[in-house]
Protein backbone atom coordinates (compact mmCIF):
# COMPACT_ATOMS: atom_id res chain seq x y z
CA MET A 1 -74.22 32.48 18.03
CA SER A 2 -76.43 30.88 14.94
CA TRP A 3 -75.12 29.62 11.59
CA ARG A 4 -76.64 28.74 8.46
CA ARG A 5 -75.44 26.55 5.80
CA PHE A 6 -76.63 26.91 1.75
CA LYS A 7 -76.34 24.82 -0.89
CA LEU A 8 -75.09 27.06 -3.73
CA ILE A 9 -76.69 25.62 -7.31
CA GLY A 10 -75.90 27.26 -10.43
CA PRO A 11 -73.61 29.94 -10.97
CA VAL A 12 -70.99 30.49 -8.21
CA ASN A 13 -68.58 33.86 -8.04
CA LEU A 14 -65.08 33.14 -8.36
CA PRO A 15 -63.77 35.91 -5.66
CA LEU A 16 -65.34 33.36 -3.55
CA LEU A 17 -62.40 31.10 -4.60
CA SER A 18 -60.25 33.28 -3.40
CA TYR A 19 -60.45 32.28 0.19
CA PRO A 20 -57.69 30.51 1.63
CA TRP A 21 -57.27 26.77 -0.12
CA PRO A 22 -58.41 23.81 2.37
CA PRO A 23 -54.81 22.20 2.69
CA TYR A 24 -56.16 18.63 1.12
CA LEU A 25 -56.84 20.09 -1.70
CA GLU A 26 -53.61 20.26 -3.86
CA ARG A 27 -53.40 23.21 -5.74
CA ARG A 28 -51.78 21.34 -9.03
CA PRO A 29 -53.56 22.12 -12.73
CA GLU A 30 -52.98 17.99 -12.62
CA ARG A 31 -54.70 17.39 -10.12
CA LEU A 32 -57.99 17.23 -10.09
CA HIS A 33 -60.73 17.29 -7.52
CA LEU A 34 -64.57 16.95 -7.40
CA VAL A 35 -65.65 19.32 -4.66
CA LYS A 36 -68.71 20.67 -3.40
CA LEU A 37 -68.98 24.23 -2.47
CA GLU A 38 -71.51 25.31 -0.07
CA ALA A 39 -71.94 28.70 1.63
CA ILE A 40 -71.95 28.86 5.33
CA LYS A 41 -73.58 32.38 7.34
CA ILE A 42 -72.83 32.80 10.79
CA GLY A 43 -75.49 35.66 12.40
CA GLU A 44 -75.42 38.77 10.28
CA SER A 45 -71.80 38.07 8.64
CA PRO A 46 -71.55 37.82 5.21
CA PRO A 47 -71.60 34.03 3.39
CA ALA A 48 -68.31 32.58 3.54
CA PRO A 49 -67.59 29.36 1.46
CA LEU A 50 -67.19 25.46 2.60
CA LEU A 51 -65.41 23.19 -0.01
CA THR A 52 -66.10 19.66 0.62
CA LEU A 53 -63.41 17.17 -1.03
CA ILE A 54 -65.93 14.30 -2.67
CA VAL A 55 -63.40 12.69 -4.71
CA GLY A 56 -59.86 13.44 -5.30
CA PRO A 57 -56.54 12.62 -7.21
CA SER A 58 -55.92 9.03 -7.59
CA GLU A 59 -52.27 7.89 -6.82
CA GLU A 60 -51.41 7.18 -10.41
CA GLY A 61 -52.91 10.83 -11.19
CA LYS A 62 -50.25 12.10 -8.77
CA VAL A 63 -47.37 10.79 -9.98
CA ILE A 64 -47.94 11.57 -13.88
CA GLY A 65 -48.76 15.16 -12.69
CA VAL A 66 -45.18 15.37 -11.14
CA THR A 67 -43.32 13.48 -13.78
CA LYS A 68 -45.15 16.05 -16.23
CA HIS A 69 -44.35 19.20 -13.55
CA GLU A 70 -41.04 17.92 -13.95
CA ILE A 71 -40.34 17.65 -18.11
CA ALA A 72 -41.83 21.09 -18.24
CA GLU A 73 -39.28 22.41 -15.62
CA ARG A 74 -36.38 20.64 -17.47
CA TYR A 75 -37.24 21.94 -20.83
CA LEU A 76 -37.83 25.91 -19.67
CA ILE A 77 -34.08 25.08 -17.78
CA ARG A 78 -32.32 23.91 -21.23
CA GLN A 79 -33.96 26.71 -23.11
CA ARG A 80 -32.29 29.03 -20.85
CA PHE A 81 -28.95 26.99 -20.61
CA TRP A 82 -28.75 27.47 -24.59
CA THR A 83 -29.76 30.91 -24.77
CA GLU A 84 -27.20 31.24 -22.72
CA LEU A 85 -24.64 29.31 -24.46
CA LEU A 86 -25.39 30.64 -27.99
CA ASN A 87 -24.88 33.99 -27.12
CA PHE A 88 -21.49 33.49 -25.48
CA ALA A 89 -20.41 31.10 -28.73
CA LYS A 90 -21.49 34.38 -31.09
CA GLN A 91 -17.96 36.09 -29.30
CA LYS A 92 -16.16 33.19 -30.21
CA THR A 93 -17.45 31.40 -33.26
CA LYS A 94 -19.78 31.95 -36.10
CA LEU A 95 -20.78 28.21 -36.28
CA HIS A 96 -24.11 28.06 -34.72
CA ALA A 97 -24.83 32.37 -34.91
CA ASN A 98 -27.95 31.65 -36.63
CA ILE A 99 -29.62 28.80 -34.49
CA THR A 100 -32.32 29.32 -32.22
CA PRO A 101 -32.24 28.47 -28.84
CA GLY A 102 -34.71 25.67 -28.03
CA GLN A 103 -36.03 23.18 -25.22
CA TYR A 104 -34.56 19.79 -26.31
CA SER A 105 -31.36 18.09 -25.08
CA TRP A 106 -29.11 18.93 -28.58
CA ILE A 107 -29.01 21.93 -30.58
CA GLY A 108 -26.83 21.60 -33.77
CA THR A 109 -25.48 22.82 -37.77
CA GLY A 110 -24.94 21.58 -40.47
CA ALA A 111 -20.94 20.28 -40.98
CA GLY A 112 -21.10 21.04 -44.64
CA LYS A 113 -22.48 17.92 -45.74
CA TYR A 114 -26.12 16.37 -45.75
CA GLY A 115 -26.46 14.27 -42.42
CA LEU A 116 -23.61 15.41 -40.53
CA GLY A 117 -24.20 18.12 -37.95
CA PHE A 118 -21.84 19.77 -34.88
CA ASN A 119 -24.58 19.44 -32.15
CA TYR A 120 -23.90 20.24 -28.41
CA ALA A 121 -25.83 18.06 -26.17
CA ILE A 122 -26.61 18.40 -22.49
CA ARG A 123 -27.68 16.20 -19.76
CA LYS A 124 -28.59 16.68 -16.38
CA ASN A 125 -24.59 16.55 -15.09
CA GLU A 126 -22.57 16.56 -18.24
CA THR A 127 -22.49 17.82 -21.53
CA GLN A 128 -20.69 17.02 -24.71
CA VAL A 129 -20.29 18.21 -28.49
CA GLU A 130 -19.95 15.87 -31.25
CA LEU A 131 -20.09 15.36 -34.72
CA TYR A 132 -23.33 13.19 -35.50
CA ILE A 133 -23.66 11.10 -38.79
CA ASP A 134 -27.12 10.38 -39.87
CA ARG A 135 -28.06 10.43 -43.58
CA GLY A 136 -31.59 9.40 -42.95
CA LYS A 137 -33.75 6.44 -43.27
CA ASP A 138 -32.10 3.02 -44.90
CA LYS A 139 -29.07 5.26 -45.12
CA GLU A 140 -27.39 2.91 -42.18
CA GLU A 141 -24.31 1.61 -44.64
CA GLU A 142 -23.57 5.28 -45.77
CA ASN A 143 -23.38 6.22 -41.98
CA LYS A 144 -21.02 3.52 -41.07
CA GLN A 145 -18.87 4.36 -44.38
CA ILE A 146 -18.32 7.91 -43.85
CA PHE A 147 -17.20 7.10 -39.92
CA ASP A 148 -14.63 4.52 -41.39
CA GLN A 149 -13.67 7.05 -43.54
CA LEU A 150 -13.09 9.58 -40.90
CA PHE A 151 -11.64 6.95 -38.61
CA LYS A 152 -8.66 6.20 -40.92
CA ASN A 153 -7.33 9.67 -39.70
CA LYS A 154 -7.91 9.37 -36.16
CA ALA A 155 -4.55 10.17 -35.54
CA GLU A 156 -4.51 12.78 -37.43
CA ILE A 157 -7.92 14.47 -36.46
CA GLU A 158 -6.85 13.76 -32.62
CA SER A 159 -3.08 15.47 -32.93
CA GLU A 160 -5.21 19.02 -34.44
CA PHE A 161 -7.92 18.36 -31.44
CA GLY A 162 -5.55 18.08 -28.91
CA GLU A 163 -7.14 15.66 -27.07
CA VAL A 164 -8.62 11.93 -27.28
CA LEU A 165 -12.22 11.79 -28.95
CA ASP A 166 -14.50 9.22 -28.30
CA TRP A 167 -15.45 7.32 -31.60
CA GLN A 168 -18.60 5.54 -31.74
CA ARG A 169 -19.44 3.55 -34.53
CA LEU A 170 -22.46 2.00 -33.10
CA ASP A 171 -23.34 -0.61 -35.25
CA ASN A 172 -26.63 -1.35 -33.68
CA LYS A 173 -27.93 1.40 -34.46
CA ARG A 174 -28.39 3.72 -37.59
CA ALA A 175 -26.33 6.79 -36.94
CA SER A 176 -22.47 7.51 -35.54
CA ARG A 177 -21.01 10.13 -33.72
CA ILE A 178 -17.46 11.45 -32.97
CA ARG A 179 -17.75 13.32 -29.46
CA LYS A 180 -15.48 15.08 -26.98
CA GLU A 181 -17.79 14.53 -23.46
CA ILE A 182 -17.20 17.16 -20.85
CA LYS A 183 -17.90 16.19 -16.89
CA THR A 184 -17.65 19.62 -15.31
CA GLY A 185 -21.66 19.79 -14.91
CA GLY A 186 -25.04 20.06 -16.55
CA TYR A 187 -28.48 22.01 -17.20
CA ARG A 188 -28.72 20.97 -12.99
CA ASP A 189 -25.66 22.84 -12.05
CA GLU A 190 -26.54 26.28 -13.01
CA ASP A 191 -24.10 27.63 -10.87
CA ARG A 192 -21.13 26.21 -13.34
CA TRP A 193 -23.25 27.34 -16.36
CA PRO A 194 -20.08 30.13 -17.48
CA GLU A 195 -17.36 27.29 -17.05
CA ILE A 196 -19.82 24.89 -18.99
CA ASN A 197 -20.19 27.28 -21.53
CA GLU A 198 -16.46 28.14 -22.02
CA GLN A 199 -15.57 24.64 -22.07
CA MET A 200 -18.20 23.48 -24.79
CA VAL A 201 -17.71 26.48 -26.99
CA ASP A 202 -13.45 25.44 -26.96
CA SER A 203 -14.56 21.62 -27.55
CA MET A 204 -16.59 23.03 -30.50
CA ILE A 205 -14.37 25.27 -31.95
CA ARG A 206 -11.35 22.62 -31.76
CA LEU A 207 -13.66 19.61 -32.94
CA GLU A 208 -14.84 21.74 -36.26
CA LYS A 209 -10.81 22.79 -37.11
CA SER A 210 -9.63 19.23 -36.25
CA LEU A 211 -12.55 17.57 -38.65
CA ARG A 212 -13.26 20.20 -41.25
CA PRO A 213 -10.65 19.39 -43.67
CA TYR A 214 -11.23 15.46 -43.41
CA ILE A 215 -15.44 15.85 -43.87
CA ALA A 216 -14.30 18.03 -47.26
CA LYS A 217 -12.52 15.05 -48.83
CA LEU A 218 -15.08 12.79 -47.90
CA HIS A 219 -16.04 10.19 -50.57
CA ILE A 220 -20.17 10.02 -50.09
């Protein structure tokens, strides 16, 4: 049996690339390879492609590629989580009824005063609901004043909420927050999403109810 090798110069029909991919070429879009494509003909058989690796991705490129892949996956998972949470929340409260599910680690809506928002936030294995206080650039002093006014009513607010809250003045940052952290799980715990949704929405309803009267009385 004889065989012949032909180098292909010029356009190559894409159907050739439908042949099994060599194991040393990793099929990831961020891992680029420089290869030589040749055709081999054995006897009277149709030509078959021969891919020879010339340059593969660097180790640094592989790490960057994996990181980008993980980030993209995380964004899609969070969007699915927020979609389910908001659908469930609409059955219980109108607070976030007009919010579109996003891909970031938090979603929120206004709390009735500029710079104050009722936010849901999620991490890999935990979540939280919060009142976030941030009136923007050069407003650090206003943010802390708002926090301090609410903090004066800490006992009454926590009594109405039914649990102790985490009061974060965050003196080294511009913003402040009042939050309830939920340890049931996060976006990586998909089998527990229904339970997480229920706890987050319940906590948000209680947080809004306990804070709303005092937000209305703020002197800003």
